[in-house]
């Protein structure tokens, strides 16, 4: 019986992680103007005011503080979904297994989470 409870809990966590990923991708799509995109001469600044990150062909680099705040609005935690996202290939890790990356744009550097670009 304990085994079944563990499996049910695991399935619920996976479902929660999947819902969190779909939610954050919707947020990114709705707020695409806040992301820098690559142009002929480097990255363009976002059309909207504050920069949330940048979008490349392969991944979306989103400011760690921004993704944490957006997930919290729906009751999700980056720490609680990160492992499931890694297992599904939704989040990119560094060679040491960590999820934090340092990104550079014209206005400096920021701590970012790299998500697979499924937009």
PDB file of N, CA and C in Angstrom:
ATOM      1  N   UNK A   1       0.820  -1.186   0.000  1.00  0.00           N
ATOM      2  CA  UNK A   1       0.000   0.000   0.000  1.00  0.00           C
ATOM      3  C   UNK A   1       0.870   1.259   0.000  1.00  0.00           C
ATOM      4  N   UNK A   2       1.975   1.230   0.758  1.00  0.00           N
ATOM      5  CA  UNK A   2       2.874   2.377   0.793  1.00  0.00           C
ATOM      6  C   UNK A   2       3.446   2.649  -0.593  1.00  0.00           C
ATOM      7  N   UNK A   3       3.725   1.562  -1.329  1.00  0.00           N
ATOM      8  CA  UNK A   3       4.260   1.706  -2.680  1.00  0.00           C
ATOM      9  C   UNK A   3       3.270   2.436  -3.579  1.00  0.00           C
ATOM     10  N   UNK A   4       1.992   2.081  -3.497  1.00  0.00           N
ATOM     11  CA  UNK A   4       0.972   2.737  -4.314  1.00  0.00           C
ATOM     12  C   UNK A   4       0.828   4.206  -3.946  1.00  0.00           C
ATOM     13  N   UNK A   5       0.911   4.522  -2.671  1.00  0.00           N
ATOM     14  CA  UNK A   5       0.821   5.918  -2.235  1.00  0.00           C
ATOM     15  C   UNK A   5       1.996   6.713  -2.785  1.00  0.00           C
ATOM     16  N   UNK A   6       3.179   6.096  -2.784  1.00  0.00           N
ATOM     17  CA  UNK A   6       4.362   6.758  -3.336  1.00  0.00           C
ATOM     18  C   UNK A   6       4.233   7.008  -4.821  1.00  0.00           C
ATOM     19  N   UNK A   7       3.678   6.044  -5.551  1.00  0.00           N
ATOM     20  CA  UNK A   7       3.468   6.197  -6.993  1.00  0.00           C
ATOM     21  C   UNK A   7       2.445   7.290  -7.265  1.00  0.00           C
ATOM     22  N   UNK A   8       1.352   7.302  -6.504  1.00  0.00           N
ATOM     23  CA  UNK A   8       0.321   8.327  -6.696  1.00  0.00           C
ATOM     24  C   UNK A   8       0.880   9.716  -6.424  1.00  0.00           C
ATOM     25  N   UNK A   9       1.683   9.830  -5.370  1.00  0.00           N
ATOM     26  CA  UNK A   9       2.288  11.129  -5.054  1.00  0.00           C
ATOM     27  C   UNK A   9       3.233  11.548  -6.177  1.00  0.00           C
ATOM     28  N   UNK A  10       3.999  10.611  -6.687  1.00  0.00           N
ATOM     29  CA  UNK A  10       4.937  10.892  -7.770  1.00  0.00           C
ATOM     30  C   UNK A  10       4.193  11.347  -9.024  1.00  0.00           C
ATOM     31  N   UNK A  11       3.087  10.701  -9.358  1.00  0.00           N
ATOM     32  CA  UNK A  11       2.305  11.098 -10.526  1.00  0.00           C
ATOM     33  C   UNK A  11       1.711  12.491 -10.345  1.00  0.00           C
ATOM     34  N   UNK A  12       1.263  12.798  -9.153  1.00  0.00           N
ATOM     35  CA  UNK A  12       0.707  14.129  -8.878  1.00  0.00           C
ATOM     36  C   UNK A  12       1.780  15.201  -9.031  1.00  0.00           C
ATOM     37  N   UNK A  13       3.004  14.916  -8.565  1.00  0.00           N
ATOM     38  CA  UNK A  13       4.103  15.870  -8.701  1.00  0.00           C
ATOM     39  C   UNK A  13       4.446  16.098 -10.167  1.00  0.00           C
ATOM     40  N   UNK A  14       4.455  15.023 -10.945  1.00  0.00           N
ATOM     41  CA  UNK A  14       4.759  15.150 -12.373  1.00  0.00           C
ATOM     42  C   UNK A  14       3.684  15.983 -13.049  1.00  0.00           C
ATOM     43  N   UNK A  15       2.436  15.709 -12.745  1.00  0.00           N
ATOM     44  CA  UNK A  15       1.349  16.487 -13.330  1.00  0.00           C
ATOM     45  C   UNK A  15       1.484  17.956 -12.947  1.00  0.00           C
ATOM     46  N   UNK A  16       1.846  18.217 -11.709  1.00  0.00           N
ATOM     47  CA  UNK A  16       2.032  19.585 -11.245  1.00  0.00           C
ATOM     48  C   UNK A  16       3.182  20.251 -12.000  1.00  0.00           C
ATOM     49  N   UNK A  17       4.272  19.540 -12.201  1.00  0.00           N
ATOM     50  CA  UNK A  17       5.416  20.089 -12.929  1.00  0.00           C
ATOM     51  C   UNK A  17       5.052  20.380 -14.380  1.00  0.00           C
ATOM     52  N   UNK A  18       4.269  19.502 -14.971  1.00  0.00           N
ATOM     53  CA  UNK A  18       3.831  19.713 -16.364  1.00  0.00           C
ATOM     54  C   UNK A  18       2.925  20.944 -16.454  1.00  0.00           C
ATOM     55  N   UNK A  19       2.003  21.063 -15.508  1.00  0.00           N
ATOM     56  CA  UNK A  19       1.124  22.235 -15.487  1.00  0.00           C
ATOM     57  C   UNK A  19       1.929  23.513 -15.281  1.00  0.00           C
ATOM     58  N   UNK A  20       2.927  23.453 -14.415  1.00  0.00           N
ATOM     59  CA  UNK A  20       3.774  24.632 -14.160  1.00  0.00           C
ATOM     60  C   UNK A  20       4.537  25.023 -15.416  1.00  0.00           C
ATOM     61  N   UNK A  21       5.045  24.043 -16.152  1.00  0.00           N
ATOM     62  CA  UNK A  21       5.782  24.344 -17.384  1.00  0.00           C
ATOM     63  C   UNK A  21       4.857  24.968 -18.425  1.00  0.00           C
ATOM     64  N   UNK A  22       3.695  24.391 -18.593  1.00  0.00           N
ATOM     65  CA  UNK A  22       2.740  24.961 -19.561  1.00  0.00           C
ATOM     66  C   UNK A  22       2.336  26.375 -19.163  1.00  0.00           C
ATOM     67  N   UNK A  23       2.158  26.587 -17.861  1.00  0.00           N
ATOM     68  CA  UNK A  23       1.803  27.921 -17.375  1.00  0.00           C
ATOM     69  C   UNK A  23       2.915  28.920 -17.693  1.00  0.00           C
ATOM     70  N   UNK A  24       4.167  28.576 -17.373  1.00  0.00           N
ATOM     71  CA  UNK A  24       5.255  29.538 -17.578  1.00  0.00           C
ATOM     72  C   UNK A  24       5.481  29.788 -19.059  1.00  0.00           C
ATOM     73  N   UNK A  25       5.275  28.801 -19.903  1.00  0.00           N
ATOM     74  CA  UNK A  25       5.417  29.029 -21.345  1.00  0.00           C
ATOM     75  C   UNK A  25       4.313  29.959 -21.848  1.00  0.00           C
ATOM     76  N   UNK A  26       3.109  29.835 -21.292  1.00  0.00           N
ATOM     77  CA  UNK A  26       2.028  30.763 -21.639  1.00  0.00           C
ATOM     78  C   UNK A  26       2.367  32.181 -21.203  1.00  0.00           C
ATOM     79  N   UNK A  27       2.927  32.316 -20.009  1.00  0.00           N
ATOM     80  CA  UNK A  27       3.325  33.635 -19.504  1.00  0.00           C
ATOM     81  C   UNK A  27       4.382  34.251 -20.418  1.00  0.00           C
ATOM     82  N   UNK A  28       5.353  33.455 -20.820  1.00  0.00           N
ATOM     83  CA  UNK A  28       6.407  33.954 -21.713  1.00  0.00           C
ATOM     84  C   UNK A  28       5.810  34.378 -23.049  1.00  0.00           C
ATOM     85  N   UNK A  29       4.932  33.567 -23.602  1.00  0.00           N
ATOM     86  CA  UNK A  29       4.311  33.909 -24.889  1.00  0.00           C
ATOM     87  C   UNK A  29       3.494  35.198 -24.795  1.00  0.00           C
ATOM     88  N   UNK A  30       2.770  35.362 -23.698  1.00  0.00           N
ATOM     89  CA  UNK A  30       1.953  36.563 -23.506  1.00  0.00           C
ATOM     90  C   UNK A  30       2.791  37.814 -23.278  1.00  0.00           C
ATOM     91  N   UNK A  31       4.023  37.625 -22.832  1.00  0.00           N
ATOM     92  CA  UNK A  31       4.897  38.751 -22.495  1.00  0.00           C
ATOM     93  C   UNK A  31       6.155  38.764 -23.352  1.00  0.00           C
ATOM     94  N   UNK A  32       6.051  38.302 -24.574  1.00  0.00           N
ATOM     95  CA  UNK A  32       7.210  38.182 -25.467  1.00  0.00           C
ATOM     96  C   UNK A  32       7.914  39.513 -25.700  1.00  0.00           C
ATOM     97  N   UNK A  33       7.186  40.614 -25.598  1.00  0.00           N
ATOM     98  CA  UNK A  33       7.806  41.924 -25.808  1.00  0.00           C
ATOM     99  C   UNK A  33       8.823  42.276 -24.725  1.00  0.00           C
ATOM    100  N   UNK A  34       8.826  41.554 -23.627  1.00  0.00           N
ATOM    101  CA  UNK A  34       9.788  41.798 -22.554  1.00  0.00           C
ATOM    102  C   UNK A  34      11.096  41.014 -22.750  1.00  0.00           C
ATOM    103  N   UNK A  35      11.200  40.262 -23.837  1.00  0.00           N
ATOM    104  CA  UNK A  35      12.383  39.446 -24.101  1.00  0.00           C
ATOM    105  C   UNK A  35      13.172  39.995 -25.286  1.00  0.00           C
ATOM    106  N   UNK A  36      14.486  39.983 -25.143  1.00  0.00           N
ATOM    107  CA  UNK A  36      15.366  40.373 -26.246  1.00  0.00           C
ATOM    108  C   UNK A  36      15.417  39.217 -27.241  1.00  0.00           C
ATOM    109  N   UNK A  37      15.533  39.562 -28.506  1.00  0.00           N
ATOM    110  CA  UNK A  37      15.642  38.550 -29.571  1.00  0.00           C
ATOM    111  C   UNK A  37      16.848  38.870 -30.426  1.00  0.00           C
ATOM    112  N   UNK A  38      17.398  37.854 -31.026  1.00  0.00           N
ATOM    113  CA  UNK A  38      18.583  38.012 -31.852  1.00  0.00           C
ATOM    114  C   UNK A  38      18.226  38.682 -33.176  1.00  0.00           C
ATOM    115  N   UNK A  39      19.033  39.665 -33.546  1.00  0.00           N
ATOM    116  CA  UNK A  39      18.889  40.350 -34.819  1.00  0.00           C
ATOM    117  C   UNK A  39      20.160  40.196 -35.633  1.00  0.00           C
ATOM    118  N   UNK A  40      20.288  40.938 -36.688  1.00  0.00           N
ATOM    119  CA  UNK A  40      21.474  40.854 -37.547  1.00  0.00           C
ATOM    120  C   UNK A  40      22.754  41.270 -36.828  1.00  0.00           C
ATOM    121  N   UNK A  41      22.632  42.189 -35.891  1.00  0.00           N
ATOM    122  CA  UNK A  41      23.807  42.739 -35.217  1.00  0.00           C
ATOM    123  C   UNK A  41      23.755  42.509 -33.707  1.00  0.00           C
ATOM    124  N   UNK A  42      23.437  41.312 -33.293  1.00  0.00           N
ATOM    125  CA  UNK A  42      23.357  41.001 -31.862  1.00  0.00           C
ATOM    126  C   UNK A  42      21.910  40.939 -31.398  1.00  0.00           C
ATOM    127  N   UNK A  43      21.713  41.109 -30.104  1.00  0.00           N
ATOM    128  CA  UNK A  43      20.370  41.027 -29.539  1.00  0.00           C
ATOM    129  C   UNK A  43      19.711  42.389 -29.501  1.00  0.00           C
ATOM    130  N   UNK A  44      18.464  42.412 -29.931  1.00  0.00           N
ATOM    131  CA  UNK A  44      17.670  43.629 -29.846  1.00  0.00           C
ATOM    132  C   UNK A  44      17.178  43.796 -28.422  1.00  0.00           C
ATOM    133  N   UNK A  45      17.037  45.008 -27.998  1.00  0.00           N
ATOM    134  CA  UNK A  45      16.461  45.260 -26.688  1.00  0.00           C
ATOM    135  C   UNK A  45      14.966  44.967 -26.762  1.00  0.00           C
ATOM    136  N   UNK A  46      14.383  44.573 -25.634  1.00  0.00           N
ATOM    137  CA  UNK A  46      12.940  44.292 -25.626  1.00  0.00           C
ATOM    138  C   UNK A  46      12.129  45.532 -25.990  1.00  0.00           C
ATOM    139  N   UNK A  47      10.991  45.298 -26.627  1.00  0.00           N
ATOM    140  CA  UNK A  47      10.108  46.399 -27.010  1.00  0.00           C
ATOM    141  C   UNK A  47       9.477  47.040 -25.781  1.00  0.00           C
ATOM    142  N   UNK A  48       9.148  46.221 -24.795  1.00  0.00           N
ATOM    143  CA  UNK A  48       8.566  46.748 -23.553  1.00  0.00           C
ATOM    144  C   UNK A  48       9.701  47.208 -22.643  1.00  0.00           C
ATOM    145  N   UNK A  49       9.390  47.835 -21.537  1.00  0.00           N
ATOM    146  CA  UNK A  49      10.393  48.399 -20.636  1.00  0.00           C
ATOM    147  C   UNK A  49      11.392  47.410 -20.063  1.00  0.00           C
ATOM    148  N   UNK A  50      11.051  46.765 -18.967  1.00  0.00           N
ATOM    149  CA  UNK A  50      11.973  45.879 -18.266  1.00  0.00           C
ATOM    150  C   UNK A  50      12.252  44.615 -19.074  1.00  0.00           C
ATOM    151  N   UNK A  51      13.478  44.151 -19.006  1.00  0.00           N
ATOM    152  CA  UNK A  51      13.873  42.944 -19.738  1.00  0.00           C
ATOM    153  C   UNK A  51      13.720  41.719 -18.846  1.00  0.00           C
ATOM    154  N   UNK A  52      12.966  40.736 -19.333  1.00  0.00           N
ATOM    155  CA  UNK A  52      12.769  39.490 -18.593  1.00  0.00           C
ATOM    156  C   UNK A  52      13.809  38.453 -18.970  1.00  0.00           C
ATOM    157  N   UNK A  53      14.480  38.635 -20.106  1.00  0.00           N
ATOM    158  CA  UNK A  53      15.449  37.647 -20.568  1.00  0.00           C
ATOM    159  C   UNK A  53      15.636  37.745 -22.061  1.00  0.00           C
ATOM    160  N   UNK A  54      16.008  36.622 -22.676  1.00  0.00           N
ATOM    161  CA  UNK A  54      16.169  36.598 -24.124  1.00  0.00           C
ATOM    162  C   UNK A  54      15.685  35.271 -24.689  1.00  0.00           C
ATOM    163  N   UNK A  55      15.274  35.333 -25.946  1.00  0.00           N
ATOM    164  CA  UNK A  55      14.768  34.152 -26.629  1.00  0.00           C
ATOM    165  C   UNK A  55      15.713  33.834 -27.783  1.00  0.00           C
ATOM    166  N   UNK A  56      16.195  32.605 -27.820  1.00  0.00           N
ATOM    167  CA  UNK A  56      17.038  32.132 -28.916  1.00  0.00           C
ATOM    168  C   UNK A  56      16.267  31.032 -29.659  1.00  0.00           C
ATOM    169  N   UNK A  57      16.857  30.495 -30.694  1.00  0.00           N
ATOM    170  CA  UNK A  57      16.212  29.400 -31.426  1.00  0.00           C
ATOM    171  C   UNK A  57      16.070  28.150 -30.559  1.00  0.00           C
ATOM    172  N   UNK A  58      17.045  27.920 -29.666  1.00  0.00           N
ATOM    173  CA  UNK A  58      17.077  26.685 -28.890  1.00  0.00           C
ATOM    174  C   UNK A  58      16.496  26.797 -27.483  1.00  0.00           C
ATOM    175  N   UNK A  59      16.656  27.949 -26.873  1.00  0.00           N
ATOM    176  CA  UNK A  59      16.220  28.080 -25.481  1.00  0.00           C
ATOM    177  C   UNK A  59      15.731  29.487 -25.181  1.00  0.00           C
ATOM    178  N   UNK A  60      15.038  29.578 -24.053  1.00  0.00           N
ATOM    179  CA  UNK A  60      14.586  30.863 -23.526  1.00  0.00           C
ATOM    180  C   UNK A  60      15.335  31.078 -22.227  1.00  0.00           C
ATOM    181  N   UNK A  61      16.081  32.157 -22.146  1.00  0.00           N
ATOM    182  CA  UNK A  61      16.781  32.516 -20.910  1.00  0.00           C
ATOM    183  C   UNK A  61      15.896  33.512 -20.181  1.00  0.00           C
ATOM    184  N   UNK A  62      15.320  33.091 -19.067  1.00  0.00           N
ATOM    185  CA  UNK A  62      14.441  33.960 -18.304  1.00  0.00           C
ATOM    186  C   UNK A  62      15.094  34.282 -16.966  1.00  0.00           C
ATOM    187  N   UNK A  63      15.021  35.538 -16.581  1.00  0.00           N
ATOM    188  CA  UNK A  63      15.586  35.999 -15.320  1.00  0.00           C
ATOM    189  C   UNK A  63      15.066  35.115 -14.190  1.00  0.00           C
ATOM    190  N   UNK A  64      15.982  34.634 -13.354  1.00  0.00           N
ATOM    191  CA  UNK A  64      15.600  33.704 -12.282  1.00  0.00           C
ATOM    192  C   UNK A  64      14.566  34.314 -11.341  1.00  0.00           C
ATOM    193  N   UNK A  65      14.727  35.577 -11.001  1.00  0.00           N
ATOM    194  CA  UNK A  65      13.764  36.228 -10.113  1.00  0.00           C
ATOM    195  C   UNK A  65      12.386  36.287 -10.767  1.00  0.00           C
ATOM    196  N   UNK A  66      12.337  36.597 -12.058  1.00  0.00           N
ATOM    197  CA  UNK A  66      11.064  36.698 -12.775  1.00  0.00           C
ATOM    198  C   UNK A  66      10.356  35.347 -12.824  1.00  0.00           C
ATOM    199  N   UNK A  67      11.063  34.275 -13.170  1.00  0.00           N
ATOM    200  CA  UNK A  67      10.400  32.969 -13.270  1.00  0.00           C
ATOM    201  C   UNK A  67       9.923  32.513 -11.891  1.00  0.00           C
ATOM    202  N   UNK A  68      10.709  32.802 -10.852  1.00  0.00           N
ATOM    203  CA  UNK A  68      10.313  32.444  -9.493  1.00  0.00           C
ATOM    204  C   UNK A  68       9.031  33.173  -9.098  1.00  0.00           C
ATOM    205  N   UNK A  69       8.968  34.468  -9.399  1.00  0.00           N
ATOM    206  CA  UNK A  69       7.772  35.261  -9.073  1.00  0.00           C
ATOM    207  C   UNK A  69       6.558  34.804  -9.870  1.00  0.00           C
ATOM    208  N   UNK A  70       6.737  34.543 -11.152  1.00  0.00           N
ATOM    209  CA  UNK A  70       5.605  34.126 -11.990  1.00  0.00           C
ATOM    210  C   UNK A  70       5.065  32.768 -11.559  1.00  0.00           C
ATOM    211  N   UNK A  71       5.948  31.830 -11.245  1.00  0.00           N
ATOM    212  CA  UNK A  71       5.488  30.519 -10.781  1.00  0.00           C
ATOM    213  C   UNK A  71       4.749  30.635  -9.448  1.00  0.00           C
ATOM    214  N   UNK A  72       5.254  31.489  -8.561  1.00  0.00           N
ATOM    215  CA  UNK A  72       4.627  31.660  -7.241  1.00  0.00           C
ATOM    216  C   UNK A  72       3.208  32.212  -7.351  1.00  0.00           C
ATOM    217  N   UNK A  73       2.927  32.991  -8.389  1.00  0.00           N
ATOM    218  CA  UNK A  73       1.573  33.529  -8.577  1.00  0.00           C
ATOM    219  C   UNK A  73       0.530  32.432  -8.711  1.00  0.00           C
ATOM    220  N   UNK A  74       0.969  31.251  -9.178  1.00  0.00           N
ATOM    221  CA  UNK A  74       0.041  30.129  -9.332  1.00  0.00           C
ATOM    222  C   UNK A  74       0.295  29.023  -8.311  1.00  0.00           C
ATOM    223  N   UNK A  75       1.125  29.343  -7.303  1.00  0.00           N
ATOM    224  CA  UNK A  75       1.382  28.378  -6.239  1.00  0.00           C
ATOM    225  C   UNK A  75       2.472  27.369  -6.545  1.00  0.00           C
ATOM    226  N   UNK A  76       3.265  27.589  -7.572  1.00  0.00           N
ATOM    227  CA  UNK A  76       4.357  26.686  -7.925  1.00  0.00           C
ATOM    228  C   UNK A  76       5.673  27.224  -7.372  1.00  0.00           C
ATOM    229  N   UNK A  77       6.627  26.339  -7.217  1.00  0.00           N
ATOM    230  CA  UNK A  77       7.969  26.703  -6.779  1.00  0.00           C
ATOM    231  C   UNK A  77       8.963  26.161  -7.797  1.00  0.00           C
ATOM    232  N   UNK A  78       9.906  27.000  -8.219  1.00  0.00           N
ATOM    233  CA  UNK A  78      10.925  26.547  -9.169  1.00  0.00           C
ATOM    234  C   UNK A  78      11.685  25.355  -8.609  1.00  0.00           C
ATOM    235  N   UNK A  79      12.015  25.404  -7.334  1.00  0.00           N
ATOM    236  CA  UNK A  79      12.761  24.300  -6.722  1.00  0.00           C
ATOM    237  C   UNK A  79      11.976  22.990  -6.752  1.00  0.00           C
ATOM    238  N   UNK A  80      10.662  23.068  -6.626  1.00  0.00           N
ATOM    239  CA  UNK A  80       9.856  21.841  -6.589  1.00  0.00           C
ATOM    240  C   UNK A  80       9.629  21.240  -7.978  1.00  0.00           C
ATOM    241  N   UNK A  81       9.730  22.024  -9.030  1.00  0.00           N
ATOM    242  CA  UNK A  81       9.491  21.498 -10.379  1.00  0.00           C
ATOM    243  C   UNK A  81      10.778  21.279 -11.171  1.00  0.00           C
ATOM    244  N   UNK A  82      11.895  21.801 -10.696  1.00  0.00           N
ATOM    245  CA  UNK A  82      13.143  21.769 -11.468  1.00  0.00           C
ATOM    246  C   UNK A  82      13.582  20.354 -11.839  1.00  0.00           C
ATOM    247  N   UNK A  83      13.517  19.404 -10.895  1.00  0.00           N
ATOM    248  CA  UNK A  83      13.962  18.040 -11.207  1.00  0.00           C
ATOM    249  C   UNK A  83      13.096  17.389 -12.272  1.00  0.00           C
ATOM    250  N   UNK A  84      11.788  17.560 -12.164  1.00  0.00           N
ATOM    251  CA  UNK A  84      10.886  16.995 -13.180  1.00  0.00           C
ATOM    252  C   UNK A  84      11.143  17.652 -14.530  1.00  0.00           C
ATOM    253  N   UNK A  85      11.384  18.963 -14.537  1.00  0.00           N
ATOM    254  CA  UNK A  85      11.681  19.670 -15.795  1.00  0.00           C
ATOM    255  C   UNK A  85      12.986  19.171 -16.397  1.00  0.00           C
ATOM    256  N   UNK A  86      13.981  18.896 -15.549  1.00  0.00           N
ATOM    257  CA  UNK A  86      15.249  18.344 -16.041  1.00  0.00           C
ATOM    258  C   UNK A  86      15.005  16.993 -16.705  1.00  0.00           C
ATOM    259  N   UNK A  87      14.233  16.142 -16.031  1.00  0.00           N
ATOM    260  CA  UNK A  87      13.958  14.796 -16.549  1.00  0.00           C
ATOM    261  C   UNK A  87      13.220  14.832 -17.878  1.00  0.00           C
ATOM    262  N   UNK A  88      12.375  15.832 -18.082  1.00  0.00           N
ATOM    263  CA  UNK A  88      11.606  15.954 -19.322  1.00  0.00           C
ATOM    264  C   UNK A  88      12.371  16.722 -20.408  1.00  0.00           C
ATOM    265  N   UNK A  89      13.520  17.278 -20.046  1.00  0.00           N
ATOM    266  CA  UNK A  89      14.293  18.052 -21.014  1.00  0.00           C
ATOM    267  C   UNK A  89      13.788  19.466 -21.207  1.00  0.00           C
ATOM    268  N   UNK A  90      12.963  19.950 -20.280  1.00  0.00           N
ATOM    269  CA  UNK A  90      12.406  21.301 -20.380  1.00  0.00           C
ATOM    270  C   UNK A  90      13.364  22.374 -19.886  1.00  0.00           C
ATOM    271  N   UNK A  91      14.297  21.980 -19.023  1.00  0.00           N
ATOM    272  CA  UNK A  91      15.221  22.939 -18.431  1.00  0.00           C
ATOM    273  C   UNK A  91      16.637  22.468 -18.730  1.00  0.00           C
ATOM    274  N   UNK A  92      17.495  23.400 -19.085  1.00  0.00           N
ATOM    275  CA  UNK A  92      18.869  23.058 -19.428  1.00  0.00           C
ATOM    276  C   UNK A  92      19.766  23.287 -18.216  1.00  0.00           C
ATOM    277  N   UNK A  93      20.681  22.351 -18.012  1.00  0.00           N
ATOM    278  CA  UNK A  93      21.593  22.457 -16.880  1.00  0.00           C
ATOM    279  C   UNK A  93      23.007  22.758 -17.368  1.00  0.00           C
ATOM    280  N   UNK A  94      23.794  23.266 -16.442  1.00  0.00           N
ATOM    281  CA  UNK A  94      25.209  23.461 -16.723  1.00  0.00           C
ATOM    282  C   UNK A  94      25.903  22.108 -16.613  1.00  0.00           C
ATOM    283  N   UNK A  95      27.172  22.069 -16.951  1.00  0.00           N
ATOM    284  CA  UNK A  95      27.921  20.811 -16.891  1.00  0.00           C
ATOM    285  C   UNK A  95      27.986  20.252 -15.467  1.00  0.00           C
ATOM    286  N   UNK A  96      27.846  21.111 -14.456  1.00  0.00           N
ATOM    287  CA  UNK A  96      27.874  20.638 -13.069  1.00  0.00           C
ATOM    288  C   UNK A  96      26.473  20.258 -12.554  1.00  0.00           C
ATOM    289  N   UNK A  97      25.468  20.295 -13.417  1.00  0.00           N
ATOM    290  CA  UNK A  97      24.118  19.888 -13.044  1.00  0.00           C
ATOM    291  C   UNK A  97      23.233  20.996 -12.495  1.00  0.00           C
ATOM    292  N   UNK A  98      23.789  22.171 -12.279  1.00  0.00           N
ATOM    293  CA  UNK A  98      22.998  23.285 -11.739  1.00  0.00           C
ATOM    294  C   UNK A  98      22.161  23.925 -12.838  1.00  0.00           C
ATOM    295  N   UNK A  99      21.101  24.619 -12.414  1.00  0.00           N
ATOM    296  CA  UNK A  99      20.186  25.216 -13.398  1.00  0.00           C
ATOM    297  C   UNK A  99      20.430  26.702 -13.621  1.00  0.00           C
ATOM    298  N   UNK A 100      21.237  27.327 -12.776  1.00  0.00           N
ATOM    299  CA  UNK A 100      21.518  28.762 -12.948  1.00  0.00           C
ATOM    300  C   UNK A 100      22.550  28.988 -14.038  1.00  0.00           C
ATOM    301  N   UNK A 101      22.268  29.950 -14.901  1.00  0.00           N
ATOM    302  CA  UNK A 101      23.196  30.358 -15.952  1.00  0.00           C
ATOM    303  C   UNK A 101      23.403  31.862 -15.842  1.00  0.00           C
ATOM    304  N   UNK A 102      24.537  32.352 -16.293  1.00  0.00           N
ATOM    305  CA  UNK A 102      24.768  33.789 -16.363  1.00  0.00           C
ATOM    306  C   UNK A 102      24.604  34.216 -17.809  1.00  0.00           C
ATOM    307  N   UNK A 103      23.720  35.177 -18.035  1.00  0.00           N
ATOM    308  CA  UNK A 103      23.449  35.684 -19.380  1.00  0.00           C
ATOM    309  C   UNK A 103      23.933  37.116 -19.496  1.00  0.00           C
ATOM    310  N   UNK A 104      24.321  37.488 -20.702  1.00  0.00           N
ATOM    311  CA  UNK A 104      24.756  38.853 -20.975  1.00  0.00           C
ATOM    312  C   UNK A 104      23.871  39.491 -22.029  1.00  0.00           C
ATOM    313  N   UNK A 105      23.511  40.720 -21.774  1.00  0.00           N
ATOM    314  CA  UNK A 105      22.830  41.561 -22.749  1.00  0.00           C
ATOM    315  C   UNK A 105      23.492  42.928 -22.693  1.00  0.00           C
ATOM    316  N   UNK A 106      23.067  43.825 -23.538  1.00  0.00           N
ATOM    317  CA  UNK A 106      23.660  45.162 -23.569  1.00  0.00           C
ATOM    318  C   UNK A 106      23.663  45.833 -22.208  1.00  0.00           C
ATOM    319  N   UNK A 107      22.624  45.602 -21.436  1.00  0.00           N
ATOM    320  CA  UNK A 107      22.493  46.285 -20.154  1.00  0.00           C
ATOM    321  C   UNK A 107      23.169  45.550 -19.003  1.00  0.00           C
ATOM    322  N   UNK A 108      23.991  44.563 -19.267  1.00  0.00           N
ATOM    323  CA  UNK A 108      24.734  43.863 -18.224  1.00  0.00           C
ATOM    324  C   UNK A 108      24.465  42.369 -18.193  1.00  0.00           C
ATOM    325  N   UNK A 109      24.659  41.776 -17.022  1.00  0.00           N
ATOM    326  CA  UNK A 109      24.471  40.341 -16.858  1.00  0.00           C
ATOM    327  C   UNK A 109      23.323  40.072 -15.895  1.00  0.00           C
ATOM    328  N   UNK A 110      22.771  38.880 -15.990  1.00  0.00           N
ATOM    329  CA  UNK A 110      21.715  38.473 -15.068  1.00  0.00           C
ATOM    330  C   UNK A 110      21.728  36.963 -14.888  1.00  0.00           C
ATOM    331  N   UNK A 111      21.207  36.517 -13.751  1.00  0.00           N
ATOM    332  CA  UNK A 111      21.080  35.098 -13.461  1.00  0.00           C
ATOM    333  C   UNK A 111      19.834  34.588 -14.173  1.00  0.00           C
ATOM    334  N   UNK A 112      20.000  33.541 -14.956  1.00  0.00           N
ATOM    335  CA  UNK A 112      18.897  33.066 -15.792  1.00  0.00           C
ATOM    336  C   UNK A 112      18.679  31.563 -15.652  1.00  0.00           C
ATOM    337  N   UNK A 113      17.468  31.165 -15.964  1.00  0.00           N
ATOM    338  CA  UNK A 113      17.100  29.765 -16.105  1.00  0.00           C
ATOM    339  C   UNK A 113      16.876  29.543 -17.603  1.00  0.00           C
ATOM    340  N   UNK A 114      17.474  28.498 -18.162  1.00  0.00           N
ATOM    341  CA  UNK A 114      17.316  28.194 -19.582  1.00  0.00           C
ATOM    342  C   UNK A 114      16.223  27.147 -19.757  1.00  0.00           C
ATOM    343  N   UNK A 115      15.169  27.536 -20.423  1.00  0.00           N
ATOM    344  CA  UNK A 115      14.071  26.621 -20.729  1.00  0.00           C
ATOM    345  C   UNK A 115      14.113  26.250 -22.201  1.00  0.00           C
ATOM    346  N   UNK A 116      13.748  25.028 -22.502  1.00  0.00           N
ATOM    347  CA  UNK A 116      13.650  24.600 -23.901  1.00  0.00           C
ATOM    348  C   UNK A 116      12.634  25.494 -24.605  1.00  0.00           C
ATOM    349  N   UNK A 117      12.997  25.997 -25.772  1.00  0.00           N
ATOM    350  CA  UNK A 117      12.097  26.871 -26.509  1.00  0.00           C
ATOM    351  C   UNK A 117      11.059  26.019 -27.250  1.00  0.00           C
ATOM    352  N   UNK A 118       9.848  26.022 -26.728  1.00  0.00           N
ATOM    353  CA  UNK A 118       8.750  25.280 -27.371  1.00  0.00           C
ATOM    354  C   UNK A 118       7.708  26.240 -27.939  1.00  0.00           C
ATOM    355  N   UNK A 119       8.067  27.520 -28.037  1.00  0.00           N
ATOM    356  CA  UNK A 119       7.117  28.507 -28.569  1.00  0.00           C
ATOM    357  C   UNK A 119       7.047  28.431 -30.078  1.00  0.00           C
TER     358      UNK A 119
END
